Amino acid sequence: MPEASKVGKSQRTPRDWVRVWDPLVRIGHWTLVAAFFTAYFTEDDLLSVHVWAGYTIGAVVLLRLAWGLIGSRHARFVDFIYSPAAAVRYIKGLATGGAPRYLGHTPAGGWMILALLTMLAGTVYTGLELYAIEENAGPLAGNERPATYDLPQLIATVVADDNRGRQREADEHEGQERHRVLKSGSRGGEEFWEELHETFANLTLLLVVLHIAGVIASSLAHSENLVKAMVTGRKRA
């Protein structure tokens, strides 16, 4: 164990700490936490809150992906994306007490970040599809083919007013039915997107639980408070 870890907390000086997480990483992290749980527990009861929480998640995920390419040292993917074998070795090391300490994300933590970003992105996209179908709103709304597209041109004939009225009603009914079929076919159906949206959300929740367990395990193994580090941005040098 490094010598710095043997120094008591009250004896540590500013030289014993190093800035690891930049403000964008920290703010983005806690914003995702707040937005995800807000969206997860509102759903249809508070649709506007649910939708805006989803938009927030989508924006932060896109920003984090960009920051993973051009951000600060420990925010970049190249800093914490290790091989799957390295991640497995780290997890085994936690179980046996021999896991090495990393200043940035651990190998297992790096893969967890990728998994969380993937699940969050999937949750947002499927939510947008569902929002477009159910409410005809959001950035994906209006992408369906028009109800009258490829319908045969009706050639009006000179008939009685009563027959014309019945024909119009039949045409409107056919148009509505065709619109419903096209809408369902183009998006895979409301039930499909709803099930997929819920699956992504529940998988994300499962990953969050595993992530918390990993943070606790790493904090205990390396005698440091990783939650506090994500607040202050500093870790033991």
Protein backbone atom coordinates (compact mmCIF):
# COMPACT_ATOMS: atom_id res chain seq x y z
CA MET A 1 0.00 0.00 0.00
CA PRO A 2 1.36 3.48 -0.86
CA GLU A 3 2.92 5.46 1.97
CA ALA A 4 0.34 8.24 1.56
CA SER A 5 -2.39 5.82 2.58
CA LYS A 6 -0.70 5.26 5.95
CA VAL A 7 -0.91 8.92 6.89
CA GLY A 8 -3.84 9.82 9.12
CA LYS A 9 -6.53 12.05 7.67
CA SER A 10 -5.75 14.83 10.13
CA GLN A 11 -2.06 14.77 9.12
CA ARG A 12 -2.58 15.00 5.37
CA THR A 13 -1.62 18.20 3.62
CA PRO A 14 -2.85 19.63 0.30
CA ARG A 15 0.12 17.90 -1.34
CA ASP A 16 -1.41 14.54 -0.44
CA TRP A 17 -4.43 15.23 -2.67
CA VAL A 18 -4.72 15.51 -6.43
CA ARG A 19 -7.52 16.81 -8.64
CA VAL A 20 -8.97 13.89 -10.60
CA TRP A 21 -12.55 14.66 -11.64
CA ASP A 22 -13.22 17.93 -13.43
CA PRO A 23 -16.45 19.90 -12.78
CA LEU A 24 -18.17 18.65 -15.95
CA VAL A 25 -17.66 15.01 -14.95
CA ARG A 26 -18.94 15.62 -11.42
CA ILE A 27 -21.91 17.77 -12.39
CA GLY A 28 -22.82 15.37 -15.19
CA HIS A 29 -22.61 12.39 -12.84
CA TRP A 30 -24.96 13.81 -10.21
CA THR A 31 -27.29 15.27 -12.84
CA LEU A 32 -27.70 11.80 -14.33
CA VAL A 33 -28.43 10.37 -10.89
CA ALA A 34 -31.13 12.96 -10.19
CA ALA A 35 -32.65 12.85 -13.68
CA PHE A 36 -32.76 9.05 -13.91
CA PHE A 37 -34.53 8.53 -10.61
CA THR A 38 -36.89 11.42 -11.34
CA ALA A 39 -37.84 9.83 -14.65
CA TYR A 40 -38.02 6.33 -13.20
CA PHE A 41 -40.47 7.24 -10.44
CA THR A 42 -42.71 9.66 -12.38
CA GLU A 43 -43.58 7.83 -15.61
CA ASP A 44 -47.19 8.50 -16.68
CA ASP A 45 -48.27 10.19 -13.46
CA LEU A 46 -46.24 13.33 -14.19
CA LEU A 47 -45.59 13.01 -17.90
CA SER A 48 -44.07 16.45 -18.41
CA VAL A 49 -41.61 15.88 -15.55
CA HIS A 50 -40.81 12.42 -16.90
CA VAL A 51 -40.20 13.78 -20.40
CA TRP A 52 -37.96 16.64 -19.31
CA ALA A 53 -35.97 14.32 -17.07
CA GLY A 54 -35.48 12.10 -20.12
CA TYR A 55 -34.33 15.05 -22.22
CA THR A 56 -31.84 15.93 -19.48
CA ILE A 57 -30.48 12.39 -19.47
CA GLY A 58 -30.11 12.42 -23.24
CA ALA A 59 -28.27 15.74 -23.23
CA VAL A 60 -25.87 14.66 -20.47
CA VAL A 61 -25.16 11.33 -22.18
CA LEU A 62 -24.29 13.10 -25.45
CA LEU A 63 -22.12 15.61 -23.59
CA ARG A 64 -20.35 12.84 -21.67
CA LEU A 65 -19.63 10.94 -24.88
CA ALA A 66 -18.06 14.04 -26.39
CA TRP A 67 -16.16 14.80 -23.19
CA GLY A 68 -14.86 11.23 -23.21
CA LEU A 69 -13.01 12.14 -26.40
CA ILE A 70 -11.84 15.71 -25.75
CA GLY A 71 -12.14 16.16 -21.99
CA SER A 72 -9.63 16.21 -19.16
CA ARG A 73 -7.18 13.35 -18.67
CA HIS A 74 -9.21 11.09 -16.38
CA ALA A 75 -12.47 11.89 -18.15
CA ARG A 76 -11.28 10.43 -21.45
CA PHE A 77 -12.21 6.92 -22.46
CA VAL A 78 -8.60 6.09 -23.31
CA ASP A 79 -7.74 6.62 -19.65
CA PHE A 80 -10.08 4.01 -18.22
CA ILE A 81 -11.11 1.57 -20.96
CA TYR A 82 -9.09 -1.55 -20.26
CA SER A 83 -9.42 -5.05 -21.67
CA PRO A 84 -12.24 -7.25 -20.33
CA ALA A 85 -9.57 -9.51 -18.83
CA ALA A 86 -8.22 -6.59 -16.80
CA ALA A 87 -11.71 -5.88 -15.50
CA VAL A 88 -12.14 -9.51 -14.46
CA ARG A 89 -8.76 -9.50 -12.72
CA TYR A 90 -9.69 -6.35 -10.81
CA ILE A 91 -12.98 -7.86 -9.62
CA LYS A 92 -11.15 -11.00 -8.51
CA GLY A 93 -8.65 -8.80 -6.73
CA LEU A 94 -11.44 -7.09 -4.79
CA ALA A 95 -12.64 -10.48 -3.63
CA THR A 96 -9.16 -11.58 -2.52
CA GLY A 97 -7.94 -8.22 -1.19
CA GLY A 98 -5.30 -7.76 -3.87
CA ALA A 99 -6.93 -5.29 -6.22
CA PRO A 100 -4.54 -2.50 -7.34
CA ARG A 101 -5.58 1.11 -6.79
CA TYR A 102 -6.23 3.38 -9.77
CA LEU A 103 -6.24 7.15 -9.59
CA GLY A 104 -8.93 7.34 -12.27
CA HIS A 105 -11.64 4.79 -12.96
CA THR A 106 -10.80 1.15 -12.34
CA PRO A 107 -11.00 -1.36 -15.22
CA ALA A 108 -14.34 -2.65 -13.90
CA GLY A 109 -15.55 0.89 -13.34
CA GLY A 110 -14.67 1.85 -16.90
CA TRP A 111 -16.78 -0.94 -18.37
CA MET A 112 -19.60 -0.04 -15.99
CA ILE A 113 -19.56 3.53 -17.35
CA LEU A 114 -19.85 2.27 -20.92
CA ALA A 115 -22.70 -0.07 -19.94
CA LEU A 116 -24.56 2.70 -18.11
CA LEU A 117 -24.18 5.16 -20.99
CA THR A 118 -25.42 2.50 -23.42
CA MET A 119 -28.46 1.61 -21.31
CA LEU A 120 -29.29 5.27 -20.68
CA ALA A 121 -29.06 6.04 -24.39
CA GLY A 122 -31.34 3.10 -25.15
CA THR A 123 -33.81 4.23 -22.50
CA VAL A 124 -33.93 7.75 -23.92
CA TYR A 125 -34.34 6.65 -27.54
CA THR A 126 -37.11 4.15 -26.83
CA GLY A 127 -38.80 6.78 -24.67
CA LEU A 128 -38.73 9.24 -27.58
CA GLU A 129 -40.26 6.63 -29.87
CA LEU A 130 -43.01 5.93 -27.35
CA TYR A 131 -43.62 9.65 -26.77
CA ALA A 132 -44.01 10.18 -30.52
CA ILE A 133 -46.53 7.34 -30.80
CA GLU A 134 -48.62 8.11 -27.73
CA GLU A 135 -48.54 11.91 -27.71
CA ASN A 136 -47.39 12.76 -31.25
CA ALA A 137 -44.77 14.94 -29.58
CA GLY A 138 -41.01 15.14 -29.25
CA PRO A 139 -38.25 15.20 -31.88
CA LEU A 140 -39.42 11.92 -33.45
CA ALA A 141 -43.04 13.00 -33.87
CA GLY A 142 -44.42 13.29 -37.38
CA ASN A 143 -42.06 10.75 -38.91
CA GLU A 144 -44.91 8.39 -39.82
CA ARG A 145 -46.07 8.18 -43.39
CA PRO A 146 -49.16 10.32 -43.98
CA ALA A 147 -52.46 8.55 -43.61
CA THR A 148 -53.42 9.19 -47.25
CA TYR A 149 -50.06 8.19 -48.71
CA ASP A 150 -50.36 5.47 -51.38
CA LEU A 151 -54.13 5.29 -50.95
CA PRO A 152 -55.92 4.98 -54.29
CA GLN A 153 -57.35 8.18 -55.70
CA LEU A 154 -61.08 8.20 -55.28
CA ILE A 155 -62.89 9.13 -58.44
CA ALA A 156 -66.00 10.98 -57.56
CA THR A 157 -69.11 10.12 -59.44
CA VAL A 158 -72.26 12.03 -59.70
CA VAL A 159 -74.44 10.43 -57.04
CA ALA A 160 -77.07 11.52 -54.61
CA ASP A 161 -76.07 13.68 -51.64
CA ASP A 162 -76.90 10.86 -49.27
CA ASN A 163 -74.62 8.42 -51.07
CA ARG A 164 -71.86 11.03 -51.17
CA GLY A 165 -72.09 11.46 -47.40
CA ARG A 166 -71.84 7.74 -46.82
CA GLN A 167 -68.87 7.54 -49.17
CA ARG A 168 -67.05 10.32 -47.29
CA GLU A 169 -67.63 8.52 -43.98
CA ALA A 170 -66.26 5.29 -45.45
CA ASP A 171 -63.22 7.11 -46.84
CA GLU A 172 -62.49 8.79 -43.51
CA HIS A 173 -62.77 5.48 -41.68
CA GLU A 174 -60.44 3.82 -44.20
CA GLY A 175 -57.97 6.67 -43.88
CA GLN A 176 -57.94 6.47 -40.09
CA GLU A 177 -57.48 2.71 -40.17
CA ARG A 178 -54.66 2.98 -42.72
CA HIS A 179 -52.98 5.67 -40.60
CA ARG A 180 -53.19 3.43 -37.54
CA VAL A 181 -51.70 0.47 -39.42
CA LEU A 182 -48.92 2.54 -40.99
CA LYS A 183 -48.11 4.17 -37.66
CA SER A 184 -47.97 0.83 -35.91
CA GLY A 185 -45.95 -0.78 -38.68
CA SER A 186 -43.40 2.04 -39.02
CA ARG A 187 -42.58 2.12 -35.30
CA GLY A 188 -43.08 -1.51 -34.42
CA GLY A 189 -46.19 -0.79 -32.38
CA GLU A 190 -46.79 1.03 -29.13
CA GLU A 191 -46.54 -2.12 -27.00
CA PHE A 192 -43.19 -3.05 -28.51
CA TRP A 193 -41.60 0.32 -27.72
CA GLU A 194 -43.18 0.43 -24.27
CA GLU A 195 -41.78 -2.98 -23.35
CA LEU A 196 -38.37 -2.08 -24.76
CA HIS A 197 -38.36 1.25 -22.90
CA GLU A 198 -39.16 -0.45 -19.60
CA THR A 199 -36.52 -3.12 -20.24
CA PHE A 200 -33.80 -0.53 -20.80
CA ALA A 201 -34.90 1.42 -17.72
CA ASN A 202 -34.88 -1.67 -15.50
CA LEU A 203 -31.52 -2.82 -16.82
CA THR A 204 -30.17 0.65 -16.06
CA LEU A 205 -31.49 0.41 -12.51
CA LEU A 206 -29.79 -2.98 -12.12
CA LEU A 207 -26.50 -1.51 -13.33
CA VAL A 208 -26.88 1.37 -10.88
CA VAL A 209 -27.22 -1.11 -8.02
CA LEU A 210 -24.13 -3.01 -9.20
CA HIS A 211 -22.27 0.29 -9.62
CA ILE A 212 -23.05 1.32 -6.04
CA ALA A 213 -21.88 -2.09 -4.80
CA GLY A 214 -18.65 -1.70 -6.77
CA VAL A 215 -18.04 1.80 -5.38
CA ILE A 216 -18.51 0.55 -1.82
CA ALA A 217 -16.20 -2.41 -2.41
CA SER A 218 -13.48 -0.25 -3.97
CA SER A 219 -13.80 2.37 -1.24
CA LEU A 220 -13.28 -0.26 1.44
CA ALA A 221 -10.45 -1.99 -0.45
CA HIS A 222 -8.47 1.22 -0.96
CA SER A 223 -9.49 3.06 2.23
CA GLU A 224 -10.94 6.08 0.46
CA ASN A 225 -14.35 7.65 0.03
CA LEU A 226 -15.09 7.47 -3.69
CA VAL A 227 -18.48 9.14 -3.30
CA LYS A 228 -16.84 12.15 -1.67
CA ALA A 229 -14.24 12.16 -4.45
CA MET A 230 -17.01 12.53 -7.02
CA VAL A 231 -18.25 15.55 -5.05
CA THR A 232 -14.94 17.31 -4.42
CA GLY A 233 -13.09 16.02 -7.48
CA ARG A 234 -10.05 15.15 -5.36
CA LYS A 235 -8.51 11.83 -4.46
CA ARG A 236 -5.52 10.76 -2.38
CA ALA A 237 -2.32 11.19 -4.39
